PDB file of N, CA and C in Angstrom:
ATOM      1  N   MET A   1     -42.945-169.479   7.637  1.00  0.00           N
ATOM      2  CA  MET A   1     -43.150-168.373   6.684  1.00  0.00           C
ATOM      3  C   MET A   1     -43.792-168.830   5.353  1.00  0.00           C
ATOM      4  N   GLY A   2     -43.470-170.036   4.942  1.00  0.00           N
ATOM      5  CA  GLY A   2     -43.992-170.556   3.690  1.00  0.00           C
ATOM      6  C   GLY A   2     -43.141-170.179   2.422  1.00  0.00           C
ATOM      7  N   ILE A   3     -43.452-170.866   1.443  1.00  0.00           N
ATOM      8  CA  ILE A   3     -42.686-170.635   0.106  1.00  0.00           C
ATOM      9  C   ILE A   3     -43.522-169.778  -0.660  1.00  0.00           C
ATOM     10  N   ARG A   4     -42.971-168.710  -1.101  1.00  0.00           N
ATOM     11  CA  ARG A   4     -43.572-167.723  -1.993  1.00  0.00           C
ATOM     12  C   ARG A   4     -43.504-168.262  -3.387  1.00  0.00           C
ATOM     13  N   PRO A   5     -44.696-168.235  -4.152  1.00  0.00           N
ATOM     14  CA  PRO A   5     -44.665-168.556  -5.609  1.00  0.00           C
ATOM     15  C   PRO A   5     -43.614-167.863  -6.447  1.00  0.00           C
ATOM     16  N   SER A   6     -43.257-166.601  -6.064  1.00  0.00           N
ATOM     17  CA  SER A   6     -42.354-165.889  -6.917  1.00  0.00           C
ATOM     18  C   SER A   6     -40.954-166.556  -6.810  1.00  0.00           C
ATOM     19  N   VAL A   7     -40.722-167.353  -5.682  1.00  0.00           N
ATOM     20  CA  VAL A   7     -39.347-167.899  -5.675  1.00  0.00           C
ATOM     21  C   VAL A   7     -39.460-169.335  -6.215  1.00  0.00           C
ATOM     22  N   LEU A   8     -40.556-169.930  -6.098  1.00  0.00           N
ATOM     23  CA  LEU A   8     -40.704-171.314  -6.473  1.00  0.00           C
ATOM     24  C   LEU A   8     -40.846-171.523  -7.949  1.00  0.00           C
ATOM     25  N   LEU A   9     -41.657-170.698  -8.512  1.00  0.00           N
ATOM     26  CA  LEU A   9     -42.009-170.876  -9.986  1.00  0.00           C
ATOM     27  C   LEU A   9     -40.781-170.856 -10.884  1.00  0.00           C
ATOM     28  N   PRO A  10     -39.922-169.916 -10.792  1.00  0.00           N
ATOM     29  CA  PRO A  10     -38.630-169.926 -11.574  1.00  0.00           C
ATOM     30  C   PRO A  10     -37.916-171.154 -11.439  1.00  0.00           C
ATOM     31  N   ALA A  11     -37.758-171.767 -10.153  1.00  0.00           N
ATOM     32  CA  ALA A  11     -37.080-172.973  -9.865  1.00  0.00           C
ATOM     33  C   ALA A  11     -37.754-174.099 -10.557  1.00  0.00           C
ATOM     34  N   ILE A  12     -39.077-174.178 -10.523  1.00  0.00           N
ATOM     35  CA  ILE A  12     -39.763-175.287 -11.325  1.00  0.00           C
ATOM     36  C   ILE A  12     -39.493-175.234 -12.825  1.00  0.00           C
ATOM     37  N   PHE A  13     -39.586-174.057 -13.331  1.00  0.00           N
ATOM     38  CA  PHE A  13     -39.332-173.821 -14.793  1.00  0.00           C
ATOM     39  C   PHE A  13     -37.975-174.417 -15.172  1.00  0.00           C
ATOM     40  N   SER A  14     -36.934-173.891 -14.410  1.00  0.00           N
ATOM     41  CA  SER A  14     -35.581-174.343 -14.719  1.00  0.00           C
ATOM     42  C   SER A  14     -35.492-175.832 -14.573  1.00  0.00           C
ATOM     43  N   THR A  15     -36.043-176.432 -13.469  1.00  0.00           N
ATOM     44  CA  THR A  15     -35.996-177.854 -13.257  1.00  0.00           C
ATOM     45  C   THR A  15     -36.540-178.672 -14.359  1.00  0.00           C
ATOM     46  N   PHE A  16     -37.738-178.302 -14.661  1.00  0.00           N
ATOM     47  CA  PHE A  16     -38.314-179.077 -15.846  1.00  0.00           C
ATOM     48  C   PHE A  16     -37.554-179.010 -17.132  1.00  0.00           C
ATOM     49  N   GLY A  17     -37.138-177.770 -17.516  1.00  0.00           N
ATOM     50  CA  GLY A  17     -36.380-177.582 -18.779  1.00  0.00           C
ATOM     51  C   GLY A  17     -35.045-178.287 -18.673  1.00  0.00           C
ATOM     52  N   LEU A  18     -34.295-178.204 -17.664  1.00  0.00           N
ATOM     53  CA  LEU A  18     -33.040-178.897 -17.411  1.00  0.00           C
ATOM     54  C   LEU A  18     -33.251-180.423 -17.360  1.00  0.00           C
ATOM     55  N   THR A  19     -34.326-180.935 -16.654  1.00  0.00           N
ATOM     56  CA  THR A  19     -34.541-182.313 -16.541  1.00  0.00           C
ATOM     57  C   THR A  19     -34.742-182.939 -17.924  1.00  0.00           C
ATOM     58  N   ALA A  20     -35.649-182.173 -18.634  1.00  0.00           N
ATOM     59  CA  ALA A  20     -35.962-182.746 -20.018  1.00  0.00           C
ATOM     60  C   ALA A  20     -34.810-182.835 -20.852  1.00  0.00           C
ATOM     61  N   TYR A  21     -33.950-181.834 -20.885  1.00  0.00           N
ATOM     62  CA  TYR A  21     -32.699-181.783 -21.699  1.00  0.00           C
ATOM     63  C   TYR A  21     -31.779-182.802 -21.269  1.00  0.00           C
ATOM     64  N   TYR A  22     -31.402-182.755 -19.953  1.00  0.00           N
ATOM     65  CA  TYR A  22     -30.368-183.687 -19.477  1.00  0.00           C
ATOM     66  C   TYR A  22     -30.758-185.145 -19.383  1.00  0.00           C
ATOM     67  N   SER A  23     -32.033-185.384 -19.263  1.00  0.00           N
ATOM     68  CA  SER A  23     -32.491-186.798 -19.352  1.00  0.00           C
ATOM     69  C   SER A  23     -32.210-187.399 -20.814  1.00  0.00           C
ATOM     70  N   SER A  24     -32.403-186.675 -21.761  1.00  0.00           N
ATOM     71  CA  SER A  24     -31.990-187.041 -23.111  1.00  0.00           C
ATOM     72  C   SER A  24     -30.422-187.273 -23.223  1.00  0.00           C
ATOM     73  N   LEU A  25     -29.733-186.258 -22.739  1.00  0.00           N
ATOM     74  CA  LEU A  25     -28.311-186.301 -22.850  1.00  0.00           C
ATOM     75  C   LEU A  25     -27.554-187.457 -22.052  1.00  0.00           C
ATOM     76  N   LEU A  26     -28.079-187.648 -20.781  1.00  0.00           N
ATOM     77  CA  LEU A  26     -27.500-188.568 -19.865  1.00  0.00           C
ATOM     78  C   LEU A  26     -28.049-190.084 -20.001  1.00  0.00           C
ATOM     79  N   GLU A  27     -29.073-190.252 -20.942  1.00  0.00           N
ATOM     80  CA  GLU A  27     -29.745-191.509 -21.092  1.00  0.00           C
ATOM     81  C   GLU A  27     -28.652-192.551 -21.421  1.00  0.00           C
ATOM     82  N   ASN A  28     -28.782-193.666 -20.656  1.00  0.00           N
ATOM     83  CA  ASN A  28     -27.782-194.844 -20.742  1.00  0.00           C
ATOM     84  C   ASN A  28     -26.382-194.508 -20.359  1.00  0.00           C
ATOM     85  N   ARG A  29     -26.136-193.286 -19.826  1.00  0.00           N
ATOM     86  CA  ARG A  29     -24.789-193.035 -19.275  1.00  0.00           C
ATOM     87  C   ARG A  29     -24.649-192.988 -17.895  1.00  0.00           C
ATOM     88  N   VAL A  30     -25.748-192.347 -17.206  1.00  0.00           N
ATOM     89  CA  VAL A  30     -25.724-192.176 -15.826  1.00  0.00           C
ATOM     90  C   VAL A  30     -26.948-192.796 -15.258  1.00  0.00           C
ATOM     91  N   PRO A  31     -26.952-193.392 -14.183  1.00  0.00           N
ATOM     92  CA  PRO A  31     -28.188-194.007 -13.514  1.00  0.00           C
ATOM     93  C   PRO A  31     -29.155-192.936 -13.299  1.00  0.00           C
ATOM     94  N   ALA A  32     -30.339-193.173 -13.545  1.00  0.00           N
ATOM     95  CA  ALA A  32     -31.422-192.215 -13.501  1.00  0.00           C
ATOM     96  C   ALA A  32     -31.485-191.582 -12.133  1.00  0.00           C
ATOM     97  N   GLU A  33     -31.316-192.326 -11.026  1.00  0.00           N
ATOM     98  CA  GLU A  33     -31.382-191.728  -9.699  1.00  0.00           C
ATOM     99  C   GLU A  33     -30.373-190.672  -9.458  1.00  0.00           C
ATOM    100  N   ILE A  34     -29.109-190.885  -9.996  1.00  0.00           N
ATOM    101  CA  ILE A  34     -28.124-189.866  -9.938  1.00  0.00           C
ATOM    102  C   ILE A  34     -28.501-188.587 -10.634  1.00  0.00           C
ATOM    103  N   ALA A  35     -29.061-188.786 -11.757  1.00  0.00           N
ATOM    104  CA  ALA A  35     -29.326-187.593 -12.639  1.00  0.00           C
ATOM    105  C   ALA A  35     -30.463-186.846 -12.047  1.00  0.00           C
ATOM    106  N   VAL A  36     -31.465-187.431 -11.499  1.00  0.00           N
ATOM    107  CA  VAL A  36     -32.547-186.934 -10.778  1.00  0.00           C
ATOM    108  C   VAL A  36     -32.104-186.075  -9.560  1.00  0.00           C
ATOM    109  N   ALA A  37     -31.281-186.792  -8.812  1.00  0.00           N
ATOM    110  CA  ALA A  37     -30.711-186.133  -7.518  1.00  0.00           C
ATOM    111  C   ALA A  37     -29.979-184.890  -7.934  1.00  0.00           C
ATOM    112  N   ILE A  38     -29.128-184.886  -8.932  1.00  0.00           N
ATOM    113  CA  ILE A  38     -28.337-183.638  -9.367  1.00  0.00           C
ATOM    114  C   ILE A  38     -29.234-182.560  -9.714  1.00  0.00           C
ATOM    115  N   LEU A  39     -30.329-182.837 -10.498  1.00  0.00           N
ATOM    116  CA  LEU A  39     -31.230-181.898 -11.018  1.00  0.00           C
ATOM    117  C   LEU A  39     -32.242-181.352  -9.961  1.00  0.00           C
ATOM    118  N   MET A  40     -32.441-182.216  -8.965  1.00  0.00           N
ATOM    119  CA  MET A  40     -33.418-181.756  -7.930  1.00  0.00           C
ATOM    120  C   MET A  40     -32.791-181.056  -6.744  1.00  0.00           C
ATOM    121  N   PHE A  41     -31.481-181.061  -6.678  1.00  0.00           N
ATOM    122  CA  PHE A  41     -30.753-180.521  -5.595  1.00  0.00           C
ATOM    123  C   PHE A  41     -31.002-178.923  -5.558  1.00  0.00           C
ATOM    124  N   PRO A  42     -30.917-178.206  -6.651  1.00  0.00           N
ATOM    125  CA  PRO A  42     -31.061-176.728  -6.415  1.00  0.00           C
ATOM    126  C   PRO A  42     -32.610-176.419  -5.972  1.00  0.00           C
ATOM    127  N   ILE A  43     -33.563-177.081  -6.545  1.00  0.00           N
ATOM    128  CA  ILE A  43     -34.919-176.719  -6.146  1.00  0.00           C
ATOM    129  C   ILE A  43     -35.208-177.148  -4.659  1.00  0.00           C
ATOM    130  N   SER A  44     -34.646-178.287  -4.286  1.00  0.00           N
ATOM    131  CA  SER A  44     -34.743-178.668  -2.966  1.00  0.00           C
ATOM    132  C   SER A  44     -34.204-177.732  -1.870  1.00  0.00           C
ATOM    133  N   MET A  45     -32.935-177.033  -2.348  1.00  0.00           N
ATOM    134  CA  MET A  45     -32.398-175.967  -1.473  1.00  0.00           C
ATOM    135  C   MET A  45     -33.324-174.798  -1.413  1.00  0.00           C
ATOM    136  N   ILE A  46     -34.021-174.358  -2.617  1.00  0.00           N
ATOM    137  CA  ILE A  46     -34.880-173.216  -2.538  1.00  0.00           C
ATOM    138  C   ILE A  46     -36.080-173.504  -1.700  1.00  0.00           C
ATOM    139  N   VAL A  47     -36.645-174.770  -1.815  1.00  0.00           N
ATOM    140  CA  VAL A  47     -37.885-175.094  -1.126  1.00  0.00           C
ATOM    141  C   VAL A  47     -37.653-175.266   0.378  1.00  0.00           C
ATOM    142  N   LEU A  48     -36.471-175.886   0.838  1.00  0.00           N
ATOM    143  CA  LEU A  48     -36.311-176.270   2.188  1.00  0.00           C
ATOM    144  C   LEU A  48     -35.690-175.073   3.018  1.00  0.00           C
ATOM    145  N   ILE A  49     -34.932-174.272   2.362  1.00  0.00           N
ATOM    146  CA  ILE A  49     -34.292-173.085   3.129  1.00  0.00           C
ATOM    147  C   ILE A  49     -35.018-171.809   2.820  1.00  0.00           C
ATOM    148  N   GLN A  50     -35.860-171.348   3.755  1.00  0.00           N
ATOM    149  CA  GLN A  50     -36.651-170.120   3.469  1.00  0.00           C
ATOM    150  C   GLN A  50     -36.394-169.069   4.496  1.00  0.00           C
ATOM    151  N   MET A  51     -36.623-167.843   4.122  1.00  0.00           N
ATOM    152  CA  MET A  51     -36.577-166.669   5.050  1.00  0.00           C
ATOM    153  C   MET A  51     -37.539-166.987   6.311  1.00  0.00           C
ATOM    154  N   GLY A  52     -37.127-166.625   7.482  1.00  0.00           N
ATOM    155  CA  GLY A  52     -37.929-166.848   8.600  1.00  0.00           C
ATOM    156  C   GLY A  52     -37.525-168.142   9.351  1.00  0.00           C
ATOM    157  N   ASP A  53     -37.168-169.187   8.548  1.00  0.00           N
ATOM    158  CA  ASP A  53     -36.703-170.487   9.167  1.00  0.00           C
ATOM    159  C   ASP A  53     -35.266-170.516   9.556  1.00  0.00           C
ATOM    160  N   PHE A  54     -34.417-169.759   8.797  1.00  0.00           N
ATOM    161  CA  PHE A  54     -32.974-169.676   9.031  1.00  0.00           C
ATOM    162  C   PHE A  54     -32.563-168.239   8.978  1.00  0.00           C
ATOM    163  N   SER A  55     -31.376-167.884   9.262  1.00  0.00           N
ATOM    164  CA  SER A  55     -30.872-166.440   9.204  1.00  0.00           C
ATOM    165  C   SER A  55     -30.964-165.974   7.759  1.00  0.00           C
ATOM    166  N   ASN A  56     -31.268-164.651   7.715  1.00  0.00           N
ATOM    167  CA  ASN A  56     -31.404-164.056   6.289  1.00  0.00           C
ATOM    168  C   ASN A  56     -29.980-164.366   5.502  1.00  0.00           C
ATOM    169  N   ARG A  57     -28.996-164.262   6.145  1.00  0.00           N
ATOM    170  CA  ARG A  57     -27.604-164.354   5.502  1.00  0.00           C
ATOM    171  C   ARG A  57     -27.538-165.804   4.911  1.00  0.00           C
ATOM    172  N   LEU A  58     -27.872-166.836   5.691  1.00  0.00           N
ATOM    173  CA  LEU A  58     -27.699-168.241   5.185  1.00  0.00           C
ATOM    174  C   LEU A  58     -28.747-168.431   4.050  1.00  0.00           C
ATOM    175  N   VAL A  59     -29.937-167.979   4.200  1.00  0.00           N
ATOM    176  CA  VAL A  59     -30.945-168.082   3.132  1.00  0.00           C
ATOM    177  C   VAL A  59     -30.447-167.517   1.826  1.00  0.00           C
ATOM    178  N   LYS A  60     -29.911-166.297   1.903  1.00  0.00           N
ATOM    179  CA  LYS A  60     -29.454-165.627   0.711  1.00  0.00           C
ATOM    180  C   LYS A  60     -28.351-166.394   0.112  1.00  0.00           C
ATOM    181  N   GLN A  61     -27.383-166.963   0.902  1.00  0.00           N
ATOM    182  CA  GLN A  61     -26.257-167.601   0.294  1.00  0.00           C
ATOM    183  C   GLN A  61     -26.665-168.956  -0.323  1.00  0.00           C
ATOM    184  N   VAL A  62     -27.577-169.684   0.320  1.00  0.00           N
ATOM    185  CA  VAL A  62     -28.135-170.917  -0.272  1.00  0.00           C
ATOM    186  C   VAL A  62     -28.832-170.706  -1.526  1.00  0.00           C
ATOM    187  N   HIS A  63     -29.678-169.634  -1.567  1.00  0.00           N
ATOM    188  CA  HIS A  63     -30.545-169.283  -2.713  1.00  0.00           C
ATOM    189  C   HIS A  63     -29.496-168.863  -3.894  1.00  0.00           C
ATOM    190  N   TYR A  64     -28.547-168.015  -3.536  1.00  0.00           N
ATOM    191  CA  TYR A  64     -27.561-167.649  -4.631  1.00  0.00           C
ATOM    192  C   TYR A  64     -26.866-168.835  -5.242  1.00  0.00           C
ATOM    193  N   PHE A  65     -26.529-169.802  -4.388  1.00  0.00           N
ATOM    194  CA  PHE A  65     -25.821-171.028  -4.855  1.00  0.00           C
ATOM    195  C   PHE A  65     -26.752-171.876  -5.683  1.00  0.00           C
ATOM    196  N   ALA A  66     -28.045-171.960  -5.262  1.00  0.00           N
ATOM    197  CA  ALA A  66     -28.944-172.754  -6.041  1.00  0.00           C
ATOM    198  C   ALA A  66     -29.141-172.240  -7.476  1.00  0.00           C
ATOM    199  N   VAL A  67     -29.263-170.808  -7.573  1.00  0.00           N
ATOM    200  CA  VAL A  67     -29.599-170.197  -8.840  1.00  0.00           C
ATOM    201  C   VAL A  67     -28.323-170.311  -9.663  1.00  0.00           C
ATOM    202  N   ALA A  68     -27.145-170.128  -8.990  1.00  0.00           N
ATOM    203  CA  ALA A  68     -25.891-170.245  -9.782  1.00  0.00           C
ATOM    204  C   ALA A  68     -25.723-171.672 -10.324  1.00  0.00           C
ATOM    205  N   LEU A  69     -26.171-172.694  -9.508  1.00  0.00           N
ATOM    206  CA  LEU A  69     -26.162-174.105 -10.114  1.00  0.00           C
ATOM    207  C   LEU A  69     -27.041-174.166 -11.186  1.00  0.00           C
ATOM    208  N   TYR A  70     -28.232-173.598 -11.274  1.00  0.00           N
ATOM    209  CA  TYR A  70     -29.131-173.634 -12.384  1.00  0.00           C
ATOM    210  C   TYR A  70     -28.431-173.011 -13.614  1.00  0.00           C
ATOM    211  N   SER A  71     -27.701-171.864 -13.305  1.00  0.00           N
ATOM    212  CA  SER A  71     -27.060-171.187 -14.414  1.00  0.00           C
ATOM    213  C   SER A  71     -25.871-171.976 -14.987  1.00  0.00           C
ATOM    214  N   LEU A  72     -25.167-172.675 -14.192  1.00  0.00           N
ATOM    215  CA  LEU A  72     -24.047-173.631 -14.710  1.00  0.00           C
ATOM    216  C   LEU A  72     -24.762-174.731 -15.467  1.00  0.00           C
ATOM    217  N   LEU A  73     -25.804-175.295 -15.022  1.00  0.00           N
ATOM    218  CA  LEU A  73     -26.482-176.377 -15.732  1.00  0.00           C
ATOM    219  C   LEU A  73     -26.918-175.863 -17.127  1.00  0.00           C
ATOM    220  N   ALA A  74     -27.436-174.597 -17.096  1.00  0.00           N
ATOM    221  CA  ALA A  74     -27.979-174.036 -18.392  1.00  0.00           C
ATOM    222  C   ALA A  74     -26.757-173.782 -19.326  1.00  0.00           C
ATOM    223  N   ILE A  75     -25.629-173.264 -18.845  1.00  0.00           N
ATOM    224  CA  ILE A  75     -24.435-173.168 -19.587  1.00  0.00           C
ATOM    225  C   ILE A  75     -23.950-174.407 -20.220  1.00  0.00           C
ATOM    226  N   GLY A  76     -23.983-175.478 -19.315  1.00  0.00           N
ATOM    227  CA  GLY A  76     -23.627-176.839 -19.839  1.00  0.00           C
ATOM    228  C   GLY A  76     -24.522-177.266 -20.935  1.00  0.00           C
ATOM    229  N   MET A  77     -25.849-176.925 -20.805  1.00  0.00           N
ATOM    230  CA  MET A  77     -26.804-177.356 -21.882  1.00  0.00           C
ATOM    231  C   MET A  77     -26.426-176.675 -23.197  1.00  0.00           C
ATOM    232  N   GLU A  78     -26.074-175.330 -23.038  1.00  0.00           N
ATOM    233  CA  GLU A  78     -25.745-174.612 -24.254  1.00  0.00           C
ATOM    234  C   GLU A  78     -24.450-175.114 -24.923  1.00  0.00           C
ATOM    235  N   VAL A  79     -23.440-175.484 -24.086  1.00  0.00           N
ATOM    236  CA  VAL A  79     -22.261-176.043 -24.711  1.00  0.00           C
ATOM    237  C   VAL A  79     -22.606-177.356 -25.352  1.00  0.00           C
ATOM    238  N   MET A  80     -23.308-178.220 -24.895  1.00  0.00           N
ATOM    239  CA  MET A  80     -23.775-179.488 -25.551  1.00  0.00           C
ATOM    240  C   MET A  80     -24.509-179.238 -26.813  1.00  0.00           C
ATOM    241  N   ILE A  81     -25.372-178.185 -26.795  1.00  0.00           N
ATOM    242  CA  ILE A  81     -25.995-177.728 -28.039  1.00  0.00           C
ATOM    243  C   ILE A  81     -25.044-177.357 -29.117  1.00  0.00           C
ATOM    244  N   LEU A  82     -24.062-176.537 -28.725  1.00  0.00           N
ATOM    245  CA  LEU A  82     -23.096-176.134 -29.624  1.00  0.00           C
ATOM    246  C   LEU A  82     -22.175-177.362 -30.120  1.00  0.00           C
ATOM    247  N   ARG A  83     -22.014-178.282 -29.292  1.00  0.00           N
ATOM    248  CA  ARG A  83     -21.408-179.540 -29.680  1.00  0.00           C
ATOM    249  C   ARG A  83     -22.222-180.453 -30.567  1.00  0.00           C
ATOM    250  N   GLY A  84     -23.496-180.218 -30.788  1.00  0.00           N
ATOM    251  CA  GLY A  84     -24.381-180.987 -31.710  1.00  0.00           C
ATOM    252  C   GLY A  84     -25.419-181.798 -31.071  1.00  0.00           C
ATOM    253  N   PHE A  85     -25.594-181.673 -29.737  1.00  0.00           N
ATOM    254  CA  PHE A  85     -26.619-182.551 -29.180  1.00  0.00           C
ATOM    255  C   PHE A  85     -27.874-181.733 -29.061  1.00  0.00           C
ATOM    256  N   ARG A  86     -28.852-182.067 -30.001  1.00  0.00           N
ATOM    257  CA  ARG A  86     -30.021-181.406 -30.184  1.00  0.00           C
ATOM    258  C   ARG A  86     -31.283-182.271 -30.129  1.00  0.00           C
ATOM    259  N   PRO A  87     -31.834-182.620 -28.942  1.00  0.00           N
ATOM    260  CA  PRO A  87     -32.912-183.473 -28.737  1.00  0.00           C
ATOM    261  C   PRO A  87     -34.278-182.852 -29.306  1.00  0.00           C
ATOM    262  N   GLU A  88     -35.277-183.707 -29.615  1.00  0.00           N
ATOM    263  CA  GLU A  88     -36.545-183.163 -29.918  1.00  0.00           C
ATOM    264  C   GLU A  88     -37.111-182.284 -28.779  1.00  0.00           C
ATOM    265  N   GLY A  89     -37.719-181.216 -29.018  1.00  0.00           N
ATOM    266  CA  GLY A  89     -38.225-180.404 -28.003  1.00  0.00           C
ATOM    267  C   GLY A  89     -37.255-179.384 -27.573  1.00  0.00           C
ATOM    268  N   LEU A  90     -36.149-179.169 -28.143  1.00  0.00           N
ATOM    269  CA  LEU A  90     -35.090-178.323 -27.646  1.00  0.00           C
ATOM    270  C   LEU A  90     -35.496-176.867 -27.427  1.00  0.00           C
ATOM    271  N   LEU A  91     -36.212-176.231 -28.275  1.00  0.00           N
ATOM    272  CA  LEU A  91     -36.647-174.998 -28.048  1.00  0.00           C
ATOM    273  C   LEU A  91     -37.433-174.792 -26.760  1.00  0.00           C
ATOM    274  N   THR A  92     -38.352-175.778 -26.415  1.00  0.00           N
ATOM    275  CA  THR A  92     -39.141-175.648 -25.158  1.00  0.00           C
ATOM    276  C   THR A  92     -38.166-175.774 -24.017  1.00  0.00           C
ATOM    277  N   TYR A  93     -37.180-176.722 -24.045  1.00  0.00           N
ATOM    278  CA  TYR A  93     -36.253-176.898 -22.885  1.00  0.00           C
ATOM    279  C   TYR A  93     -35.436-175.646 -22.660  1.00  0.00           C
ATOM    280  N   ARG A  94     -35.057-175.091 -23.829  1.00  0.00           N
ATOM    281  CA  ARG A  94     -34.193-173.763 -23.656  1.00  0.00           C
ATOM    282  C   ARG A  94     -35.004-172.629 -23.058  1.00  0.00           C
ATOM    283  N   VAL A  95     -36.233-172.491 -23.520  1.00  0.00           N
ATOM    284  CA  VAL A  95     -37.064-171.353 -23.053  1.00  0.00           C
ATOM    285  C   VAL A  95     -37.369-171.570 -21.585  1.00  0.00           C
ATOM    286  N   MET A  96     -37.708-172.763 -21.104  1.00  0.00           N
ATOM    287  CA  MET A  96     -37.943-173.006 -19.744  1.00  0.00           C
ATOM    288  C   MET A  96     -36.754-172.849 -18.852  1.00  0.00           C
ATOM    289  N   THR A  97     -35.572-173.352 -19.259  1.00  0.00           N
ATOM    290  CA  THR A  97     -34.401-173.228 -18.623  1.00  0.00           C
ATOM    291  C   THR A  97     -33.982-171.801 -18.340  1.00  0.00           C
ATOM    292  N   HIS A  98     -33.838-171.047 -19.412  1.00  0.00           N
ATOM    293  CA  HIS A  98     -33.264-169.725 -19.437  1.00  0.00           C
ATOM    294  C   HIS A  98     -34.314-168.732 -18.838  1.00  0.00           C
ATOM    295  N   LEU A  99     -35.530-168.907 -18.960  1.00  0.00           N
ATOM    296  CA  LEU A  99     -36.653-168.124 -18.253  1.00  0.00           C
ATOM    297  C   LEU A  99     -36.491-168.340 -16.800  1.00  0.00           C
ATOM    298  N   GLY A 100     -36.364-169.616 -16.463  1.00  0.00           N
ATOM    299  CA  GLY A 100     -36.286-169.882 -14.990  1.00  0.00           C
ATOM    300  C   GLY A 100     -35.076-169.387 -14.244  1.00  0.00           C
ATOM    301  N   TRP A 101     -33.941-169.503 -14.839  1.00  0.00           N
ATOM    302  CA  TRP A 101     -32.785-169.019 -14.002  1.00  0.00           C
ATOM    303  C   TRP A 101     -32.656-167.489 -14.169  1.00  0.00           C
ATOM    304  N   THR A 102     -33.172-166.863 -15.263  1.00  0.00           N
ATOM    305  CA  THR A 102     -33.159-165.456 -15.318  1.00  0.00           C
ATOM    306  C   THR A 102     -34.139-164.908 -14.323  1.00  0.00           C
ATOM    307  N   LEU A 103     -35.246-165.381 -14.264  1.00  0.00           N
ATOM    308  CA  LEU A 103     -36.262-164.917 -13.198  1.00  0.00           C
ATOM    309  C   LEU A 103     -35.789-165.210 -11.864  1.00  0.00           C
ATOM    310  N   GLY A 104     -35.149-166.338 -11.606  1.00  0.00           N
ATOM    311  CA  GLY A 104     -34.557-166.676 -10.360  1.00  0.00           C
ATOM    312  C   GLY A 104     -33.571-165.615  -9.846  1.00  0.00           C
ATOM    313  N   TRP A 105     -32.582-165.173 -10.711  1.00  0.00           N
ATOM    314  CA  TRP A 105     -31.637-164.171 -10.346  1.00  0.00           C
ATOM    315  C   TRP A 105     -32.388-162.836 -10.055  1.00  0.00           C
ATOM    316  N   ALA A 106     -33.207-162.527 -10.910  1.00  0.00           N
ATOM    317  CA  ALA A 106     -34.039-161.209 -10.761  1.00  0.00           C
ATOM    318  C   ALA A 106     -34.746-161.198  -9.397  1.00  0.00           C
ATOM    319  N   ILE A 107     -35.368-162.357  -8.981  1.00  0.00           N
ATOM    320  CA  ILE A 107     -36.130-162.276  -7.763  1.00  0.00           C
ATOM    321  C   ILE A 107     -35.157-162.317  -6.553  1.00  0.00           C
ATOM    322  N   ILE A 108     -34.150-163.062  -6.688  1.00  0.00           N
ATOM    323  CA  ILE A 108     -33.151-163.124  -5.526  1.00  0.00           C
ATOM    324  C   ILE A 108     -32.506-161.823  -5.301  1.00  0.00           C
ATOM    325  N   LEU A 109     -32.028-161.097  -6.387  1.00  0.00           N
ATOM    326  CA  LEU A 109     -31.489-159.788  -6.227  1.00  0.00           C
ATOM    327  C   LEU A 109     -32.463-158.796  -5.643  1.00  0.00           C
ATOM    328  N   LYS A 110     -33.709-158.854  -6.182  1.00  0.00           N
ATOM    329  CA  LYS A 110     -34.725-157.996  -5.633  1.00  0.00           C
ATOM    330  C   LYS A 110     -34.870-158.168  -4.130  1.00  0.00           C
ATOM    331  N   GLN A 111     -34.997-159.532  -3.649  1.00  0.00           N
ATOM    332  CA  GLN A 111     -35.060-159.790  -2.224  1.00  0.00           C
ATOM    333  C   GLN A 111     -33.804-159.312  -1.469  1.00  0.00           C
ATOM    334  N   ALA A 112     -32.707-159.433  -2.034  1.00  0.00           N
ATOM    335  CA  ALA A 112     -31.463-158.952  -1.459  1.00  0.00           C
ATOM    336  C   ALA A 112     -31.507-157.429  -1.169  1.00  0.00           C
ATOM    337  N   GLY A 113     -32.007-156.735  -2.180  1.00  0.00           N
ATOM    338  CA  GLY A 113     -32.159-155.390  -2.083  1.00  0.00           C
ATOM    339  C   GLY A 113     -33.166-154.887  -0.990  1.00  0.00           C
ATOM    340  N   ALA A 114     -34.308-155.637  -0.936  1.00  0.00           N
ATOM    341  CA  ALA A 114     -35.308-155.437   0.044  1.00  0.00           C
ATOM    342  C   ALA A 114     -34.903-155.645   1.474  1.00  0.00           C
ATOM    343  N   LEU A 115     -33.958-156.797   1.578  1.00  0.00           N
ATOM    344  CA  LEU A 115     -33.400-157.047   2.891  1.00  0.00           C
ATOM    345  C   LEU A 115     -32.467-156.013   3.266  1.00  0.00           C
ATOM    346  N   LYS A 116     -31.674-155.503   2.405  1.00  0.00           N
ATOM    347  CA  LYS A 116     -30.669-154.427   2.596  1.00  0.00           C
ATOM    348  C   LYS A 116     -31.364-153.229   3.162  1.00  0.00           C
ATOM    349  N   SER A 117     -32.461-152.873   2.487  1.00  0.00           N
ATOM    350  CA  SER A 117     -33.094-151.581   2.838  1.00  0.00           C
ATOM    351  C   SER A 117     -33.800-151.774   4.325  1.00  0.00           C
ATOM    352  N   ASP A 118     -34.235-153.022   4.590  1.00  0.00           N
ATOM    353  CA  ASP A 118     -34.760-153.232   5.935  1.00  0.00           C
ATOM    354  C   ASP A 118     -33.770-153.120   6.964  1.00  0.00           C
ATOM    355  N   GLU A 119     -32.562-153.447   6.629  1.00  0.00           N
ATOM    356  CA  GLU A 119     -31.441-153.355   7.657  1.00  0.00           C
ATOM    357  C   GLU A 119     -31.048-151.874   7.871  1.00  0.00           C
ATOM    358  N   SER A 120     -31.332-151.058   6.972  1.00  0.00           N
ATOM    359  CA  SER A 120     -30.781-149.628   7.086  1.00  0.00           C
ATOM    360  C   SER A 120     -31.643-148.877   8.096  1.00  0.00           C
TER     361      SER A 120
END
């Protein structure tokens, strides 16, 4: 079926924003490979698990989990900002991160509504 840009673009936005922020936060604390794996996990789920390849129920659950993970990482970012960690480029990281997960939820909820109406 292929990956629709409407699903992929918000994930890319969040991934870039979170990666930029967390790479500054985790520098010299966590091996780079582990940090990249954690931050790439949600987008890999969105890219690899698509409608038409798996059951609609499984795809919805995986995509919900991926966007929820982005949301949790974004909340973690905000907590660290409140605690005083403010790297250079913070505004850009925040815009990308929050725009990405907000659009992600909007798209997933829209798809869920369309799937529900198809089942009726």
